[in-house]
Amino acid sequence: MKKAILQAFFLSGDAKFLAEAAQGEKDPEIRRSAIRNLGLIGSEEARQALLAIYAKETDRDSKEAVLNALFIQGNAHGLVTIARSEKDPELKKMAVSK
């Protein structure tokens, strides 16, 4: 049910709700789904939301989902910003490679 709701908000282009869902959801699968959907929305609000999510996120899989979402958006600036500040060498390498 939650995935269907996220899909509906994606289709309506509601980046604000998707960002809230990605940050507040306990289920990692639903959280990653919201992050992926944000990556498919090309708005500035979605771009900023992904960077904010990455900065607060502690789950490695979710961080990787954010990197993939930024790549899908073609958000090279966001990927470079993350690569410059990332301490984990594997995540840094992933950001640079995207």
Protein backbone atom coordinates (compact mmCIF):
# COMPACT_ATOMS: atom_id res chain seq x y z
CA MET A 1 0.00 0.00 0.00
CA LYS A 2 2.79 2.43 0.90
CA LYS A 3 4.54 1.84 -2.43
CA ALA A 4 1.32 2.61 -4.29
CA ILE A 5 0.99 5.87 -2.36
CA LEU A 6 4.61 6.77 -3.13
CA GLN A 7 3.99 6.01 -6.80
CA ALA A 8 0.98 8.32 -6.81
CA PHE A 9 3.01 11.16 -5.33
CA PHE A 10 5.77 10.48 -7.86
CA LEU A 11 3.29 10.68 -10.72
CA SER A 12 2.01 13.99 -9.37
CA GLY A 13 5.60 15.28 -9.05
CA ASP A 14 5.28 15.87 -5.30
CA ALA A 15 8.96 16.01 -4.32
CA LYS A 16 8.15 17.45 -0.89
CA PHE A 17 6.08 14.44 0.18
CA LEU A 18 8.58 11.97 -1.26
CA ALA A 19 11.39 13.68 0.65
CA GLU A 20 9.38 13.50 3.87
CA ALA A 21 8.66 9.82 3.24
CA ALA A 22 12.32 9.09 2.53
CA GLN A 23 13.43 10.79 5.73
CA GLY A 24 10.71 9.52 8.04
CA GLU A 25 10.09 5.97 6.85
CA LYS A 26 11.36 3.14 9.07
CA ASP A 27 11.11 0.43 6.38
CA PRO A 28 14.36 0.63 4.37
CA GLU A 29 12.74 -0.73 1.21
CA ILE A 30 10.05 1.95 1.24
CA ARG A 31 12.66 4.61 2.06
CA ARG A 32 14.81 3.55 -0.91
CA SER A 33 11.74 3.52 -3.15
CA ALA A 34 10.97 7.12 -2.17
CA ILE A 35 14.59 8.06 -2.87
CA ARG A 36 14.50 6.41 -6.31
CA ASN A 37 11.30 8.26 -7.14
CA LEU A 38 12.92 11.55 -6.11
CA GLY A 39 15.69 10.78 -8.58
CA LEU A 40 13.15 10.55 -11.36
CA ILE A 41 11.75 13.99 -10.56
CA GLY A 42 13.96 16.62 -12.15
CA SER A 43 12.94 19.57 -10.01
CA GLU A 44 15.28 21.71 -7.94
CA GLU A 45 13.27 20.72 -4.87
CA ALA A 46 14.03 17.04 -5.57
CA ARG A 47 17.74 17.78 -6.06
CA GLN A 48 17.97 19.65 -2.77
CA ALA A 49 15.97 16.96 -0.97
CA LEU A 50 18.36 14.23 -2.12
CA LEU A 51 21.38 16.16 -0.84
CA ALA A 52 19.64 16.75 2.49
CA ILE A 53 18.71 13.08 2.78
CA TYR A 54 22.28 12.00 2.05
CA ALA A 55 23.67 14.36 4.69
CA LYS A 56 21.38 12.93 7.39
CA GLU A 57 21.34 9.29 6.29
CA THR A 58 23.25 6.62 8.22
CA ASP A 59 22.09 3.55 6.27
CA ARG A 60 24.66 2.64 3.61
CA ASP A 61 22.09 1.19 1.19
CA SER A 62 20.05 4.37 1.39
CA LYS A 63 23.16 6.46 0.74
CA GLU A 64 23.86 4.35 -2.34
CA ALA A 65 20.25 4.86 -3.43
CA VAL A 66 20.75 8.64 -3.15
CA LEU A 67 23.91 8.44 -5.28
CA ASN A 68 22.01 6.45 -7.90
CA ALA A 69 19.12 8.93 -7.81
CA LEU A 70 21.49 11.85 -8.31
CA PHE A 71 23.07 10.00 -11.24
CA ILE A 72 19.63 9.40 -12.80
CA GLN A 73 18.91 13.13 -12.47
CA GLY A 74 22.19 13.96 -14.15
CA ASN A 75 23.06 15.97 -11.05
CA ALA A 76 26.85 16.06 -11.41
CA HIS A 77 27.12 19.04 -9.06
CA GLY A 78 25.39 17.08 -6.28
CA LEU A 79 27.61 14.05 -6.83
CA VAL A 80 30.75 16.21 -6.71
CA THR A 81 29.52 17.91 -3.54
CA ILE A 82 29.02 14.53 -1.89
CA ALA A 83 32.35 13.15 -3.15
CA ARG A 84 34.21 16.10 -1.66
CA SER A 85 32.76 15.62 1.81
CA GLU A 86 32.35 11.81 2.00
CA LYS A 87 34.67 10.06 4.47
CA ASP A 88 33.85 6.47 3.43
CA PRO A 89 36.29 5.65 0.58
CA GLU A 90 33.88 3.24 -1.13
CA LEU A 91 31.00 5.73 -1.17
CA LYS A 92 33.38 8.47 -2.30
CA LYS A 93 34.57 6.24 -5.17
CA MET A 94 30.97 5.44 -6.10
CA ALA A 95 30.07 9.14 -6.20
CA VAL A 96 33.09 9.95 -8.36
CA SER A 97 32.44 7.06 -10.75
CA LYS A 98 28.86 8.23 -11.32
